[in-house]
Every structure is written in structure tokens, then in C-alpha cells.
Amino acid sequence: MACDPYLSRHDVEEEGFGVANLPIEKVGKVDGIILTVPHREFVAHKLGDFSRFYRNGPRGRKVFVDIKGYYNAREAKKSGFMYVSL
């Protein structure tokens, strides 16, 4: 699934990636999150706010891939995230 407030459902589901584009309030439990673009709708939240979206991941950690490195890696790891950035 995807959650992109700037792309239409049609763009994501039929023209782009072939996955559902959901508003953030409709996202269910996930194994991991990939933040590709730090849109203000996402970075308005502290990293810990994303914890509510996770089911139990590997070794109880929450996988968070932050492509642009917006969040602080040290803080993310202290908060129990398996954090990776490019």
C-alpha cells in the first residue's frame, strides 16, 4: 500500500505502482514503513507517532526506512526502530 497525499488514487493504483493509495488515517498494521518523501503531512509527526501503525516486526522492532534521512537515526534506534537511511 502507499500513502501519498499529493498523488491521486488513480495515479498510484492504475498508472504508477499497482498498489492502493490510502489516506494516513486508513492505514492498518504494517511490517515496515518507507518514507520516500518527507511531505509536511508526515514530518508534522514525531517518529514515535508512527509506532501505532506497526504489528510486531523482527525481534519486536519496527522497520523504518527514511530515504532522505529526515529523522535522527540515533533517536530512532533508541526508540526501538530498526532505522535505515540513504
C-alpha atoms as a PDB file:
ATOM      1  CA  MET A   1       0.000   0.000   0.000  1.00  0.00           C
ATOM      2  CA  ALA A   2       1.010   3.608  -0.434  1.00  0.00           C
ATOM      3  CA  CYS A   3       0.066   6.762   1.401  1.00  0.00           C
ATOM      4  CA  ASP A   4       0.787   9.828  -0.703  1.00  0.00           C
ATOM      5  CA  PRO A   5      -1.362  12.907  -0.157  1.00  0.00           C
ATOM      6  CA  TYR A   6      -0.135  14.529  -3.388  1.00  0.00           C
ATOM      7  CA  LEU A   7      -0.927  11.729  -5.819  1.00  0.00           C
ATOM      8  CA  SER A   8      -4.409  10.695  -6.822  1.00  0.00           C
ATOM      9  CA  ARG A   9      -5.699   7.210  -6.200  1.00  0.00           C
ATOM     10  CA  HIS A  10      -5.721   6.658  -9.965  1.00  0.00           C
ATOM     11  CA  ASP A  11      -2.076   7.761 -10.333  1.00  0.00           C
ATOM     12  CA  VAL A  12      -0.861   5.331  -7.706  1.00  0.00           C
ATOM     13  CA  GLU A  13      -3.159   2.373  -8.232  1.00  0.00           C
ATOM     14  CA  GLU A  14      -3.519   2.249 -12.003  1.00  0.00           C
ATOM     15  CA  GLU A  15      -0.804   4.343 -13.612  1.00  0.00           C
ATOM     16  CA  GLY A  16       2.022   4.030 -11.155  1.00  0.00           C
ATOM     17  CA  PHE A  17       2.657   1.277  -8.695  1.00  0.00           C
ATOM     18  CA  GLY A  18      -0.327  -1.054  -8.800  1.00  0.00           C
ATOM     19  CA  VAL A  19      -0.940  -0.704  -5.052  1.00  0.00           C
ATOM     20  CA  ALA A  20      -3.664   1.000  -3.044  1.00  0.00           C
ATOM     21  CA  ASN A  21      -3.127   4.664  -2.124  1.00  0.00           C
ATOM     22  CA  LEU A  22      -4.745   5.216   1.268  1.00  0.00           C
ATOM     23  CA  PRO A  23      -5.121   8.301   3.423  1.00  0.00           C
ATOM     24  CA  ILE A  24      -2.973   8.017   6.548  1.00  0.00           C
ATOM     25  CA  GLU A  25      -5.993   7.574   8.825  1.00  0.00           C
ATOM     26  CA  LYS A  26      -6.946   4.397   6.912  1.00  0.00           C
ATOM     27  CA  VAL A  27      -3.534   2.709   7.082  1.00  0.00           C
ATOM     28  CA  GLY A  28      -3.739  -0.515   9.076  1.00  0.00           C
ATOM     29  CA  LYS A  29      -0.985  -2.503  10.758  1.00  0.00           C
ATOM     30  CA  VAL A  30       2.209  -2.843   8.714  1.00  0.00           C
ATOM     31  CA  ASP A  31       5.573  -4.615   8.988  1.00  0.00           C
ATOM     32  CA  GLY A  32       7.548  -1.573   7.897  1.00  0.00           C
ATOM     33  CA  ILE A  33       7.344   1.985   6.670  1.00  0.00           C
ATOM     34  CA  ILE A  34       9.339   3.545   3.858  1.00  0.00           C
ATOM     35  CA  LEU A  35       9.332   7.335   3.974  1.00  0.00           C
ATOM     36  CA  THR A  36      10.370   8.293   0.455  1.00  0.00           C
ATOM     37  CA  VAL A  37       9.457  11.982   0.565  1.00  0.00           C
ATOM     38  CA  PRO A  38       9.197  13.973   3.806  1.00  0.00           C
ATOM     39  CA  HIS A  39       5.867  15.629   2.981  1.00  0.00           C
ATOM     40  CA  ARG A  40       4.748  18.044   5.693  1.00  0.00           C
ATOM     41  CA  GLU A  41       1.772  15.770   6.450  1.00  0.00           C
ATOM     42  CA  PHE A  42       4.214  13.088   7.589  1.00  0.00           C
ATOM     43  CA  VAL A  43       7.006  15.085   9.235  1.00  0.00           C
ATOM     44  CA  ALA A  44       4.481  17.024  11.296  1.00  0.00           C
ATOM     45  CA  HIS A  45       4.569  13.832  13.390  1.00  0.00           C
ATOM     46  CA  LYS A  46       7.350  12.734  15.685  1.00  0.00           C
ATOM     47  CA  LEU A  47       8.867   9.423  14.652  1.00  0.00           C
ATOM     48  CA  GLY A  48       7.289   7.740  17.676  1.00  0.00           C
ATOM     49  CA  ASP A  49       3.850   8.654  16.363  1.00  0.00           C
ATOM     50  CA  PHE A  50       4.331   6.088  13.599  1.00  0.00           C
ATOM     51  CA  SER A  51       4.524   3.261  16.171  1.00  0.00           C
ATOM     52  CA  ARG A  52       0.750   2.890  16.105  1.00  0.00           C
ATOM     53  CA  PHE A  53       0.917   1.522  12.551  1.00  0.00           C
ATOM     54  CA  TYR A  54       3.173  -1.457  13.319  1.00  0.00           C
ATOM     55  CA  ARG A  55       2.395  -5.033  14.079  1.00  0.00           C
ATOM     56  CA  ASN A  56       5.263  -6.871  15.759  1.00  0.00           C
ATOM     57  CA  GLY A  57       8.293  -6.893  13.476  1.00  0.00           C
ATOM     58  CA  PRO A  58      11.557  -8.867  13.563  1.00  0.00           C
ATOM     59  CA  ARG A  59      12.778  -9.142  17.161  1.00  0.00           C
ATOM     60  CA  GLY A  60       9.967  -6.799  18.185  1.00  0.00           C
ATOM     61  CA  ARG A  61      11.470  -3.857  16.298  1.00  0.00           C
ATOM     62  CA  LYS A  62       9.739  -1.515  13.933  1.00  0.00           C
ATOM     63  CA  VAL A  63      11.350  -1.266  10.471  1.00  0.00           C
ATOM     64  CA  PHE A  64      11.539   2.348   9.272  1.00  0.00           C
ATOM     65  CA  VAL A  65      13.347   3.249   6.041  1.00  0.00           C
ATOM     66  CA  ASP A  66      13.866   7.004   5.781  1.00  0.00           C
ATOM     67  CA  ILE A  67      15.146   7.576   2.246  1.00  0.00           C
ATOM     68  CA  LYS A  68      16.130  11.232   2.714  1.00  0.00           C
ATOM     69  CA  GLY A  69      17.274  10.933   6.330  1.00  0.00           C
ATOM     70  CA  TYR A  70      14.759  13.372   7.772  1.00  0.00           C
ATOM     71  CA  TYR A  71      14.581  11.797  11.235  1.00  0.00           C
ATOM     72  CA  ASN A  72      17.503  11.421  13.653  1.00  0.00           C
ATOM     73  CA  ALA A  73      18.980   7.918  13.378  1.00  0.00           C
ATOM     74  CA  ARG A  74      20.261   7.792  16.976  1.00  0.00           C
ATOM     75  CA  GLU A  75      16.890   8.811  18.400  1.00  0.00           C
ATOM     76  CA  ALA A  76      15.069   6.362  16.134  1.00  0.00           C
ATOM     77  CA  LYS A  77      17.221   3.454  17.289  1.00  0.00           C
ATOM     78  CA  LYS A  78      16.805   4.461  20.954  1.00  0.00           C
ATOM     79  CA  SER A  79      13.043   4.409  20.410  1.00  0.00           C
ATOM     80  CA  GLY A  80      13.142   0.809  19.171  1.00  0.00           C
ATOM     81  CA  PHE A  81      13.050   1.410  15.435  1.00  0.00           C
ATOM     82  CA  MET A  82      15.157  -0.605  13.022  1.00  0.00           C
ATOM     83  CA  TYR A  83      16.096   2.604  11.219  1.00  0.00           C
ATOM     84  CA  VAL A  84      17.808   2.826   7.828  1.00  0.00           C
ATOM     85  CA  SER A  85      18.543   5.902   5.748  1.00  0.00           C
ATOM     86  CA  LEU A  86      20.349   6.501   2.474  1.00  0.00           C
END
